[in-house]
Amino acid sequence: MKRYHLLTIALVVFLISGIKMTALALPSSQKVDSIQIAFDKQQLVLPGESFKIGIISYYRNGKIKKTTGLLGGSVWWWKYKVDVVGGTNFSGKISVNEELIPSKGKYIDIKAYPRKQPDLVKELLLPLNYETKIAYRPTGNYDKSPGSQIPGEVISEFNNGIVRVCDDWRNNKESGNFLFSGKGGYWKNGKFTIDPDFMKIENHHANLIINSLRNTSIADTFSVQLDYKHAYDLHFSGSSGIPGFSGSSGSPGYQGGNGSDGQNGQNGEFGDDGPDIGVWVDLYRDSVLNTDLLYVYAQNLFTNKEYRYLINPDGGSLDVSSFGGSGGNGGNGGNGGSGGNGREGEKWIEKHIEKQTVKKPVTKRVIRKEIHKRKDADGKEYDVEVEVETTETEYVDEVVDVVVEVVHQGPGEDGGDGGWGGPGGMGGPGGYGGNITLHFTRDAMPYSHLITTRSEGGSGGINGSGGFGGSGGSGGAGNPSGRSGSSGQSGPSAFGWAPSGGSGQIRIQSTEEFFEYKSKDKK
């Protein structure tokens, strides 16, 4: 038996040794022989942006495994160590440092290896991409005139052939890759705005210059030659009148007192008149554009502020208007205060003694006979009549003296009357439209139809509503109760609006020629 146990132990040791040797031998065939860093060249490697890489591992047994993110990849990234110079790595997503801008001539260095086999390290040196060409392209229709806004996008061509369109100018990260400057205009809120003052624009040309910050040698100039075919609008209006303040509400009455009246609503102020406008129009031949243009000089005769326009008779126009300000609305009258409630009538108590019959309990002792059970010597039961003493309670009538209290109340006081509502204020009249005088030279007079005018009075303010009368106070409780107060009357108010202002005069006069255009390049 002992020999049998020894043979069994020897067999088990042999089997365990064989399994251990096999386990040690397996990793040799399953070890990684080499790795490759995979990079799709259709990605852009740019400062402040990210791109993806993958790792392909080649095993000694002929198997090939890929990291997650690659087609057919299943190996987790924690099995590999990735070092990046010029950026950071997160599971194969490489983020390039923003500080590497401009990117032309710069690289990002990537080293990767299996964590258990650092001797299999691979290095990938990637050059950063950069623009080789940029161009600004308008994305909508626009007028070629001062003050026009031109929305657009930048088309970037990179050194690896990829083309990108940048049009989300609200994204500071995207717009921060370009430097915008203007000549005869400016860049603001993702739009190129032509300077509203044509006198600041040289030779009728407005330019937007775009520079790439990734490649400082690349730039584009978007140029607009103005044609002044635009419907201009020059509008003035007087200030609106300040509305009247509403009246304060009256105070409520105190203990039967009358509520006070609401205060009057204030009248609305008058609307200001629209300013008088002078407009002078001359026609000249522009040598740069080789076309006739109308030169328009306008002046606010109230403030002396000046305005200048160039208008192409073939498609351009100017509308000049001067409106009166609206009158202020009248304030509403204040509501009347509520009347105070009347006080209760005075109460007092009267006492007197009355005789009343009440039921009073009386206890008596009585003898009753009861049958009790007894047993004889043989254990047989027999009945025995026994007298038992007990008590009984009965109620008897008894006359007693009782103190009775009687509550009396005097008459209640009357409630106070409600206050009257305050009258509503009157709306302010609207201001008058301004007078507009047009002065045309003899050459410009045939184009007078291109200068339209409007002068309208401001609308009158709405009249304020009268305040509501206060409610009467309730009469005080009593014997009898007090009379309730009367409600106050609502304040008077005028229905409708104050009168609107009248229109100003439109006059057309002739004038001598007064304008001569000289281009900036002429001395």
Protein backbone atom coordinates (compact mmCIF):
# COMPACT_ATOMS: atom_id res chain seq x y z
CA MET A 1 0.00 0.00 0.00
CA LYS A 2 2.82 2.36 0.86
CA ARG A 3 4.48 1.60 -2.48
CA TYR A 4 1.23 2.50 -4.27
CA HIS A 5 1.12 5.94 -2.59
CA LEU A 6 4.73 6.67 -3.54
CA LEU A 7 4.01 5.87 -7.20
CA THR A 8 0.96 8.15 -7.16
CA ILE A 9 2.94 11.07 -5.71
CA ALA A 10 5.70 10.61 -8.29
CA LEU A 11 3.16 10.65 -11.13
CA VAL A 12 1.55 13.86 -9.86
CA VAL A 13 4.94 15.60 -9.56
CA PHE A 14 5.82 14.54 -13.10
CA LEU A 15 2.55 15.90 -14.51
CA ILE A 16 2.92 19.22 -12.68
CA SER A 17 6.48 19.60 -13.95
CA GLY A 18 5.33 18.97 -17.51
CA ILE A 19 2.57 21.54 -17.25
CA LYS A 20 4.98 24.12 -15.83
CA MET A 21 7.50 23.54 -18.62
CA THR A 22 4.73 23.88 -21.23
CA ALA A 23 3.51 27.13 -19.63
CA LEU A 24 7.02 28.56 -19.74
CA ALA A 25 7.42 27.55 -23.33
CA LEU A 26 4.17 29.16 -24.63
CA PRO A 27 5.15 32.87 -24.24
CA SER A 28 8.16 32.32 -26.46
CA SER A 29 5.92 31.68 -29.44
CA GLN A 30 3.36 34.35 -28.43
CA LYS A 31 5.78 37.20 -27.79
CA VAL A 32 5.64 40.33 -29.96
CA ASP A 33 8.38 40.24 -32.56
CA SER A 34 7.99 43.85 -33.80
CA ILE A 35 5.53 46.76 -33.90
CA GLN A 36 4.53 49.44 -36.39
CA ILE A 37 3.03 52.89 -35.72
CA ALA A 38 0.11 53.36 -38.13
CA PHE A 39 -0.75 56.88 -39.32
CA ASP A 40 -3.35 57.88 -41.93
CA LYS A 41 -1.76 60.56 -44.13
CA GLN A 42 -5.19 61.98 -44.94
CA GLN A 43 -5.16 63.60 -41.51
CA LEU A 44 -3.88 67.09 -40.79
CA VAL A 45 -1.18 67.51 -38.15
CA LEU A 46 -1.74 71.08 -36.93
CA PRO A 47 -0.98 73.05 -33.75
CA GLY A 48 -3.92 73.06 -31.35
CA GLU A 49 -5.61 70.13 -33.11
CA SER A 50 -5.62 66.34 -32.75
CA PHE A 51 -5.06 63.33 -34.99
CA LYS A 52 -5.14 59.56 -34.45
CA ILE A 53 -2.51 56.84 -34.62
CA GLY A 54 -2.63 53.08 -34.17
CA ILE A 55 -0.16 50.32 -33.28
CA ILE A 56 0.15 47.05 -35.22
CA SER A 57 1.94 44.22 -33.39
CA TYR A 58 3.53 41.29 -35.26
CA TYR A 59 3.90 38.09 -33.18
CA ARG A 60 6.46 35.31 -33.61
CA ASN A 61 3.70 32.81 -34.25
CA GLY A 62 2.60 34.84 -37.28
CA LYS A 63 -0.40 36.55 -35.67
CA ILE A 64 -1.06 40.26 -36.16
CA LYS A 65 -2.94 42.33 -33.60
CA LYS A 66 -4.07 45.97 -33.73
CA THR A 67 -5.04 48.55 -31.14
CA THR A 68 -8.62 49.69 -30.73
CA GLY A 69 -9.52 52.38 -33.24
CA LEU A 70 -7.94 50.57 -36.18
CA LEU A 71 -10.03 48.37 -38.45
CA GLY A 72 -10.33 45.01 -36.67
CA GLY A 73 -8.39 46.32 -33.66
CA SER A 74 -9.06 44.85 -30.22
CA VAL A 75 -5.89 45.44 -28.16
CA TRP A 76 -6.28 48.01 -25.38
CA TRP A 77 -3.94 50.99 -25.34
CA TRP A 78 -2.80 50.46 -21.75
CA LYS A 79 -0.55 47.66 -22.99
CA TYR A 80 1.61 50.23 -24.79
CA LYS A 81 3.68 53.19 -23.66
CA VAL A 82 3.51 56.22 -25.97
CA ASP A 83 5.78 59.24 -25.52
CA VAL A 84 5.15 62.42 -27.52
CA VAL A 85 7.48 65.38 -27.94
CA GLY A 86 5.43 68.41 -29.00
CA GLY A 87 2.09 67.06 -27.85
CA THR A 88 0.18 64.62 -25.65
CA ASN A 89 -1.37 61.18 -26.12
CA PHE A 90 -4.64 59.73 -24.91
CA SER A 91 -5.45 56.24 -26.19
CA GLY A 92 -3.98 56.95 -29.60
CA LYS A 93 -5.36 60.48 -29.92
CA ILE A 94 -2.38 62.82 -30.34
CA SER A 95 -2.97 66.48 -29.45
CA VAL A 96 -0.42 68.90 -30.90
CA ASN A 97 0.78 71.80 -28.73
CA GLU A 98 -0.61 75.21 -29.73
CA GLU A 99 2.82 76.74 -29.14
CA LEU A 100 4.12 75.11 -32.35
CA ILE A 101 2.44 77.77 -34.49
CA PRO A 102 3.71 78.76 -37.06
CA SER A 103 3.88 75.11 -38.06
CA LYS A 104 5.93 75.23 -41.24
CA GLY A 105 9.27 73.46 -40.76
CA LYS A 106 8.34 71.90 -37.39
CA TYR A 107 7.83 68.28 -36.34
CA ILE A 108 6.17 66.16 -33.67
CA ASP A 109 8.07 63.09 -32.39
CA ILE A 110 6.17 59.92 -31.34
CA LYS A 111 7.78 56.89 -29.65
CA ALA A 112 5.81 53.74 -28.79
CA TYR A 113 6.60 50.27 -27.40
CA PRO A 114 4.91 47.40 -25.52
CA ARG A 115 5.17 48.05 -21.79
CA LYS A 116 6.67 44.55 -21.20
CA GLN A 117 9.06 44.81 -24.18
CA PRO A 118 10.58 48.32 -24.20
CA ASP A 119 13.34 47.10 -26.53
CA LEU A 120 10.79 47.04 -29.40
CA VAL A 121 10.44 50.86 -29.39
CA LYS A 122 9.43 52.50 -32.67
CA GLU A 123 9.74 56.20 -33.53
CA LEU A 124 7.60 58.25 -35.90
CA LEU A 125 8.74 61.77 -36.81
CA LEU A 126 5.80 63.64 -38.35
CA PRO A 127 6.22 67.05 -40.02
CA LEU A 128 3.46 69.53 -39.16
CA ASN A 129 1.18 70.59 -41.97
CA TYR A 130 0.77 74.18 -43.14
CA GLU A 131 -1.12 76.15 -45.76
CA THR A 132 0.33 76.58 -49.21
CA LYS A 133 -2.56 78.77 -50.35
CA ILE A 134 -5.48 80.62 -48.76
CA ALA A 135 -8.34 82.52 -50.36
CA TYR A 136 -11.26 84.53 -48.98
CA ARG A 137 -14.57 83.72 -50.67
CA PRO A 138 -17.86 85.62 -50.08
CA THR A 139 -20.75 83.40 -49.01
CA GLY A 140 -23.61 85.72 -49.91
CA ASN A 141 -24.69 88.63 -52.06
CA TYR A 142 -23.49 92.09 -51.09
CA ASP A 143 -23.58 95.64 -52.35
CA LYS A 144 -20.33 97.23 -53.41
CA SER A 145 -20.88 100.36 -51.40
CA PRO A 146 -19.69 102.02 -48.17
CA GLY A 147 -21.04 100.34 -45.05
CA SER A 148 -21.84 97.04 -46.76
CA GLN A 149 -21.01 93.84 -44.88
CA ILE A 150 -19.53 90.88 -46.74
CA PRO A 151 -19.78 87.49 -44.95
CA GLY A 152 -17.33 84.91 -46.21
CA GLU A 153 -15.12 81.89 -45.64
CA VAL A 154 -11.44 81.10 -46.00
CA ILE A 155 -10.41 78.23 -48.27
CA SER A 156 -7.11 76.70 -47.10
CA GLU A 157 -4.98 74.33 -49.19
CA PHE A 158 -2.39 72.39 -47.18
CA ASN A 159 0.95 70.91 -48.20
CA ASN A 160 -0.49 67.37 -48.19
CA GLY A 161 -3.22 68.31 -50.67
CA ILE A 162 -6.07 68.54 -48.16
CA VAL A 163 -8.49 71.47 -48.60
CA ARG A 164 -10.32 72.90 -45.60
CA VAL A 165 -13.10 75.50 -45.45
CA CYS A 166 -13.15 77.79 -42.42
CA ASP A 167 -16.50 79.52 -41.92
CA ASP A 168 -17.32 79.20 -38.20
CA TRP A 169 -15.94 82.57 -37.10
CA ARG A 170 -17.62 82.26 -33.70
CA ASN A 171 -15.07 79.54 -32.94
CA ASN A 172 -12.10 81.47 -31.58
CA LYS A 173 -9.85 78.44 -32.00
CA GLU A 174 -10.56 78.28 -35.71
CA SER A 175 -10.51 82.01 -36.43
CA GLY A 176 -7.33 82.37 -34.36
CA ASN A 177 -5.32 80.71 -37.14
CA PHE A 178 -5.64 83.83 -39.31
CA LEU A 179 -4.82 87.50 -39.03
CA PHE A 180 -7.30 89.89 -40.67
CA SER A 181 -6.59 93.49 -41.57
CA GLY A 182 -8.35 95.96 -43.81
CA LYS A 183 -7.70 98.91 -46.03
CA GLY A 184 -10.85 100.88 -46.70
CA GLY A 185 -12.71 98.51 -44.38
CA TYR A 186 -12.37 96.32 -41.32
CA TRP A 187 -13.01 92.77 -40.10
CA LYS A 188 -15.58 92.31 -37.34
CA ASN A 189 -17.81 89.44 -36.20
CA GLY A 190 -16.87 87.23 -39.12
CA LYS A 191 -17.65 89.84 -41.78
CA PHE A 192 -15.68 92.29 -43.88
CA THR A 193 -17.31 95.69 -43.52
CA ILE A 194 -16.54 98.36 -46.09
CA ASP A 195 -15.83 101.67 -44.37
CA PRO A 196 -19.08 103.70 -44.18
CA ASP A 197 -17.15 106.88 -45.09
CA PHE A 198 -16.21 106.77 -48.77
CA MET A 199 -13.68 109.56 -48.18
CA LYS A 200 -11.54 107.02 -46.27
CA ILE A 201 -11.49 104.65 -49.25
CA GLU A 202 -8.71 105.18 -51.80
CA ASN A 203 -9.65 105.03 -55.47
CA HIS A 204 -12.93 103.24 -54.75
CA HIS A 205 -11.17 100.03 -53.64
CA ALA A 206 -11.64 98.29 -50.27
CA ASN A 207 -9.27 95.45 -49.41
CA LEU A 208 -9.34 92.66 -46.84
CA ILE A 209 -5.91 91.12 -46.17
CA ILE A 210 -5.81 87.62 -44.66
CA ASN A 211 -2.53 86.20 -43.31
CA SER A 212 -2.00 82.59 -42.29
CA LEU A 213 -0.43 82.24 -38.84
CA ARG A 214 0.60 78.65 -39.60
CA ASN A 215 2.64 79.79 -42.59
CA THR A 216 3.47 83.49 -42.34
CA SER A 217 4.61 83.62 -45.97
CA ILE A 218 1.06 82.91 -47.18
CA ALA A 219 -1.56 85.66 -47.54
CA ASP A 220 -4.56 86.61 -49.66
CA THR A 221 -6.12 89.95 -50.52
CA PHE A 222 -9.84 90.16 -51.18
CA SER A 223 -10.50 93.35 -53.12
CA VAL A 224 -13.81 95.08 -53.79
CA GLN A 225 -14.17 97.81 -56.38
CA LEU A 226 -17.08 99.94 -55.28
CA ASP A 227 -19.85 100.72 -57.76
CA TYR A 228 -22.11 102.66 -55.33
CA LYS A 229 -25.27 100.88 -56.53
CA HIS A 230 -26.94 100.88 -53.15
CA ALA A 231 -30.23 102.06 -51.67
CA TYR A 232 -29.00 104.43 -48.95
CA ASP A 233 -31.18 105.54 -46.08
CA LEU A 234 -30.68 108.74 -44.07
CA HIS A 235 -33.24 108.84 -41.28
CA PHE A 236 -33.74 111.36 -38.49
CA SER A 237 -36.36 111.59 -35.78
CA GLY A 238 -37.10 113.78 -32.82
CA SER A 239 -36.90 112.33 -29.34
CA SER A 240 -40.07 110.84 -27.93
CA GLY A 241 -41.77 112.69 -25.10
CA ILE A 242 -41.29 111.33 -21.60
CA PRO A 243 -44.46 109.60 -20.36
CA GLY A 244 -46.24 111.11 -17.38
CA PHE A 245 -45.94 109.43 -14.00
CA SER A 246 -49.03 107.71 -12.67
CA GLY A 247 -50.63 109.27 -9.61
CA SER A 248 -50.15 107.73 -6.19
CA SER A 249 -53.03 105.77 -4.73
CA GLY A 250 -54.91 107.23 -1.77
CA SER A 251 -54.41 105.96 1.77
CA PRO A 252 -57.09 103.77 3.36
CA GLY A 253 -59.26 105.27 6.10
CA TYR A 254 -58.66 104.36 9.77
CA GLN A 255 -61.52 102.86 11.83
CA GLY A 256 -64.42 104.33 9.97
CA GLY A 257 -62.47 107.21 8.44
CA ASN A 258 -62.81 108.07 4.76
CA GLY A 259 -60.14 106.90 2.28
CA SER A 260 -58.09 109.69 0.71
CA ASP A 261 -58.39 110.50 -3.00
CA GLY A 262 -55.91 109.20 -5.58
CA GLN A 263 -53.50 111.76 -7.04
CA ASN A 264 -53.67 113.05 -10.59
CA GLY A 265 -51.71 111.32 -13.34
CA GLN A 266 -49.10 113.59 -14.95
CA ASN A 267 -49.40 114.71 -18.54
CA GLY A 268 -47.06 113.17 -21.10
CA GLU A 269 -44.42 115.48 -22.57
CA PHE A 270 -44.48 116.76 -26.13
CA GLY A 271 -42.52 114.81 -28.74
CA ASP A 272 -39.57 116.73 -30.18
CA ASP A 273 -39.75 117.99 -33.73
CA GLY A 274 -37.71 116.20 -36.36
CA PRO A 275 -34.63 118.19 -37.43
CA ASP A 276 -34.57 120.29 -40.57
CA ILE A 277 -32.37 118.69 -43.23
CA GLY A 278 -30.45 120.27 -46.08
CA VAL A 279 -29.34 118.09 -49.02
CA TRP A 280 -27.04 119.24 -51.83
CA VAL A 281 -26.61 117.04 -54.93
CA ASP A 282 -24.01 117.41 -57.70
CA LEU A 283 -23.10 115.16 -60.67
CA TYR A 284 -19.53 114.49 -61.74
CA ARG A 285 -17.63 112.17 -64.06
CA ASP A 286 -15.46 109.75 -62.07
CA SER A 287 -12.20 109.06 -63.90
CA VAL A 288 -11.37 105.91 -61.90
CA LEU A 289 -14.72 104.17 -62.43
CA ASN A 290 -15.29 105.91 -65.78
CA THR A 291 -18.91 106.60 -64.91
CA ASP A 292 -21.15 109.42 -63.72
CA LEU A 293 -21.73 109.58 -59.96
CA LEU A 294 -23.95 111.73 -57.80
CA TYR A 295 -22.17 113.41 -54.92
CA VAL A 296 -24.60 114.05 -52.07
CA TYR A 297 -23.85 116.28 -49.11
CA ALA A 298 -26.45 116.34 -46.33
CA GLN A 299 -26.55 118.28 -43.09
CA ASN A 300 -28.64 118.08 -39.96
CA LEU A 301 -29.46 121.78 -39.58
CA PHE A 302 -30.21 121.34 -35.86
CA THR A 303 -26.83 119.80 -34.95
CA ASN A 304 -24.75 120.73 -38.05
CA LYS A 305 -23.64 117.10 -38.39
CA GLU A 306 -22.57 116.28 -41.95
CA TYR A 307 -23.18 113.22 -44.15
CA ARG A 308 -21.69 112.39 -47.55
CA TYR A 309 -22.66 109.82 -50.18
CA LEU A 310 -21.65 108.73 -53.66
CA ILE A 311 -24.55 107.31 -55.65
CA ASN A 312 -24.45 105.55 -59.00
CA PRO A 313 -27.50 106.73 -60.97
CA ASP A 314 -27.62 103.26 -62.49
CA GLY A 315 -29.05 101.39 -59.48
CA GLY A 316 -28.36 103.69 -56.53
CA SER A 317 -30.77 105.85 -54.53
CA LEU A 318 -31.14 107.80 -51.28
CA ASP A 319 -34.16 108.08 -49.01
CA VAL A 320 -34.11 111.08 -46.62
CA SER A 321 -36.64 111.24 -43.80
CA SER A 322 -37.24 113.41 -40.75
CA PHE A 323 -39.96 112.26 -38.36
CA GLY A 324 -41.32 113.98 -35.30
CA GLY A 325 -40.96 112.21 -31.98
CA SER A 326 -43.94 110.46 -30.45
CA GLY A 327 -45.69 112.21 -27.60
CA GLY A 328 -45.38 110.71 -24.15
CA ASN A 329 -48.32 108.75 -22.78
CA GLY A 330 -50.31 110.33 -19.97
CA GLY A 331 -49.95 108.83 -16.52
CA ASN A 332 -52.86 106.93 -15.00
CA GLY A 333 -54.67 108.48 -12.07
CA GLY A 334 -54.08 106.97 -8.65
CA ASN A 335 -56.77 104.75 -7.15
CA GLY A 336 -58.80 106.08 -4.25
CA GLY A 337 -58.11 104.69 -0.80
CA SER A 338 -60.58 102.26 0.75
CA GLY A 339 -62.81 103.53 3.53
CA GLY A 340 -62.04 102.27 7.01
CA ASN A 341 -64.30 99.66 8.59
CA GLY A 342 -66.55 100.95 11.38
CA ARG A 343 -65.81 99.91 14.95
CA GLU A 344 -68.01 97.36 16.70
CA GLY A 345 -70.63 98.58 19.13
CA GLU A 346 -69.66 98.65 22.83
CA LYS A 347 -70.38 95.41 24.74
CA TRP A 348 -71.31 94.99 28.45
CA ILE A 349 -72.50 92.13 30.70
CA GLU A 350 -75.55 92.26 33.03
CA LYS A 351 -75.82 89.68 35.90
CA HIS A 352 -78.93 88.54 37.96
CA ILE A 353 -79.97 85.56 40.12
CA GLU A 354 -82.62 83.13 38.98
CA LYS A 355 -84.14 80.11 40.79
CA GLN A 356 -83.81 76.94 38.76
CA THR A 357 -84.93 73.35 39.45
CA VAL A 358 -82.14 70.86 39.05
CA LYS A 359 -81.94 67.07 39.42
CA LYS A 360 -79.82 66.07 42.41
CA PRO A 361 -78.63 62.49 43.07
CA VAL A 362 -79.60 60.81 46.42
CA THR A 363 -78.08 57.48 47.65
CA LYS A 364 -80.19 54.99 49.72
CA ARG A 365 -79.43 51.67 51.48
CA VAL A 366 -81.87 48.84 50.66
CA ILE A 367 -82.18 45.11 51.59
CA ARG A 368 -82.69 42.70 48.77
CA LYS A 369 -83.31 38.95 48.80
CA GLU A 370 -81.15 36.76 46.60
CA ILE A 371 -81.08 32.99 45.97
CA HIS A 372 -77.69 31.42 46.59
CA LYS A 373 -76.59 27.85 45.81
CA ARG A 374 -75.37 25.63 48.66
CA LYS A 375 -74.24 21.99 48.97
CA ASP A 376 -75.19 19.49 51.67
CA ALA A 377 -72.96 16.87 53.21
CA ASP A 378 -73.58 14.57 50.31
CA GLY A 379 -72.50 17.25 47.79
CA LYS A 380 -76.00 17.91 46.51
CA GLU A 381 -76.93 21.52 45.70
CA TYR A 382 -79.91 23.26 47.22
CA ASP A 383 -81.24 26.87 47.14
CA VAL A 384 -81.08 29.22 50.12
CA GLU A 385 -82.77 32.65 50.27
CA VAL A 386 -80.36 35.27 51.60
CA GLU A 387 -80.93 38.98 52.45
CA VAL A 388 -78.27 41.28 50.92
CA GLU A 389 -77.74 45.00 51.73
CA THR A 390 -76.94 47.31 48.71
CA THR A 391 -77.09 51.01 47.67
CA GLU A 392 -79.25 52.71 45.05
CA THR A 393 -79.03 56.21 43.51
CA GLU A 394 -82.09 58.19 42.50
CA TYR A 395 -82.51 61.80 41.28
CA VAL A 396 -84.82 64.18 43.04
CA ASP A 397 -85.84 67.74 42.12
CA GLU A 398 -84.20 70.58 44.06
CA VAL A 399 -84.64 74.35 43.66
CA VAL A 400 -81.32 76.34 43.64
CA ASP A 401 -80.19 79.95 43.00
CA VAL A 402 -78.21 80.44 39.70
CA VAL A 403 -76.23 83.57 38.56
CA VAL A 404 -77.18 84.38 34.91
CA GLU A 405 -75.00 86.66 32.64
CA VAL A 406 -76.65 88.59 29.75
CA VAL A 407 -74.37 90.19 27.06
CA HIS A 408 -75.58 93.54 25.67
CA GLN A 409 -74.05 95.46 22.67
CA GLY A 410 -74.52 99.02 21.55
CA PRO A 411 -74.90 100.19 17.93
CA GLY A 412 -71.92 99.67 15.53
CA GLU A 413 -70.19 102.68 13.96
CA ASP A 414 -70.57 103.48 10.25
CA GLY A 415 -67.85 102.50 7.73
CA GLY A 416 -65.90 105.28 5.97
CA ASP A 417 -66.44 106.29 2.35
CA GLY A 418 -63.90 105.28 -0.30
CA GLY A 419 -61.68 108.00 -1.81
CA TRP A 420 -62.14 109.21 -5.37
CA GLY A 421 -59.82 108.04 -8.13
CA GLY A 422 -57.40 110.62 -9.51
CA PRO A 423 -57.87 111.96 -13.06
CA GLY A 424 -55.69 110.47 -15.81
CA GLY A 425 -53.01 112.66 -17.38
CA MET A 426 -53.23 113.85 -20.96
CA GLY A 427 -50.98 112.34 -23.61
CA GLY A 428 -48.35 114.62 -25.11
CA PRO A 429 -48.80 115.75 -28.72
CA GLY A 430 -46.41 114.32 -31.30
CA GLY A 431 -43.58 116.44 -32.67
CA TYR A 432 -43.63 117.92 -36.17
CA GLY A 433 -41.70 116.38 -39.02
CA GLY A 434 -38.64 118.34 -40.08
CA ASN A 435 -38.41 120.50 -43.18
CA ILE A 436 -36.26 118.97 -45.94
CA THR A 437 -34.70 121.16 -48.60
CA LEU A 438 -33.08 119.56 -51.67
CA HIS A 439 -30.53 121.54 -53.71
CA PHE A 440 -29.68 120.14 -57.17
CA THR A 441 -27.13 121.39 -59.64
CA ARG A 442 -28.24 121.64 -63.24
CA ASP A 443 -26.44 118.36 -64.11
CA ALA A 444 -27.94 116.53 -61.14
CA MET A 445 -31.53 117.75 -61.55
CA PRO A 446 -32.47 114.97 -64.06
CA TYR A 447 -31.74 112.45 -61.29
CA SER A 448 -33.86 114.15 -58.64
CA HIS A 449 -36.20 111.14 -58.64
CA LEU A 450 -33.41 109.09 -57.05
CA ILE A 451 -33.57 111.25 -53.91
CA THR A 452 -36.83 110.52 -52.11
CA THR A 453 -38.00 112.38 -49.01
CA ARG A 454 -40.43 111.79 -46.17
CA SER A 455 -41.49 114.14 -43.38
CA GLU A 456 -44.05 112.84 -40.92
CA GLY A 457 -45.28 114.04 -37.57
CA GLY A 458 -44.93 111.87 -34.51
CA SER A 459 -47.95 110.09 -33.10
CA GLY A 460 -49.62 111.57 -30.04
CA GLY A 461 -49.36 109.89 -26.67
CA ILE A 462 -52.20 107.84 -25.23
CA ASN A 463 -54.28 109.63 -22.61
CA GLY A 464 -54.01 108.15 -19.13
CA SER A 465 -56.88 106.30 -17.47
CA GLY A 466 -58.58 107.66 -14.38
CA GLY A 467 -57.96 105.84 -11.12
CA PHE A 468 -60.59 103.56 -9.62
CA GLY A 469 -62.61 104.81 -6.66
CA GLY A 470 -61.86 103.21 -3.32
CA SER A 471 -64.34 100.74 -1.84
CA GLY A 472 -66.44 101.83 1.14
CA GLY A 473 -65.64 100.44 4.56
CA SER A 474 -67.93 97.87 6.21
CA GLY A 475 -70.16 99.01 9.05
CA GLY A 476 -69.19 97.84 12.51
CA ALA A 477 -71.12 94.96 14.12
CA GLY A 478 -73.59 96.06 16.78
CA ASN A 479 -77.22 96.44 17.74
CA PRO A 480 -77.95 97.69 15.22
CA SER A 481 -74.90 97.27 12.93
CA GLY A 482 -73.31 100.38 11.40
CA ARG A 483 -73.92 101.52 7.82
CA SER A 484 -71.30 100.57 5.17
CA GLY A 485 -69.52 103.49 3.50
CA SER A 486 -70.04 104.49 -0.13
CA SER A 487 -67.46 103.62 -2.79
CA GLY A 488 -65.57 106.55 -4.29
CA GLN A 489 -66.06 107.58 -7.90
CA SER A 490 -63.48 106.71 -10.54
CA GLY A 491 -61.33 109.56 -11.78
CA PRO A 492 -62.13 111.18 -15.13
CA SER A 493 -60.06 110.39 -18.21
CA ALA A 494 -59.96 111.58 -21.80
CA PHE A 495 -60.56 108.86 -24.38
CA GLY A 496 -58.04 108.20 -27.13
CA TRP A 497 -54.79 109.89 -28.03
CA ALA A 498 -53.26 113.33 -28.11
CA PRO A 499 -52.99 114.88 -31.59
CA SER A 500 -50.17 113.78 -33.88
CA GLY A 501 -47.62 116.27 -35.14
CA GLY A 502 -47.86 117.76 -38.60
CA SER A 503 -45.58 117.02 -41.54
CA GLY A 504 -42.72 119.31 -42.46
CA GLN A 505 -42.24 121.01 -45.82
CA ILE A 506 -40.35 119.48 -48.75
CA ARG A 507 -38.62 122.04 -50.95
CA ILE A 508 -36.51 121.59 -54.11
CA GLN A 509 -34.09 124.31 -55.16
CA SER A 510 -31.28 124.73 -57.65
CA THR A 511 -27.64 125.37 -56.78
CA GLU A 512 -24.29 125.91 -58.47
CA GLU A 513 -21.79 123.09 -59.02
CA PHE A 514 -19.77 122.59 -55.86
CA PHE A 515 -17.93 119.23 -56.04
CA GLU A 516 -14.77 118.11 -57.80
CA TYR A 517 -13.46 114.57 -57.15
CA LYS A 518 -9.73 113.92 -57.07
CA SER A 519 -8.36 110.38 -56.77
CA LYS A 520 -5.80 109.68 -54.03
CA ASP A 521 -3.01 108.89 -56.50
CA LYS A 522 -3.22 112.31 -58.13
CA LYS A 523 -1.08 115.06 -56.71
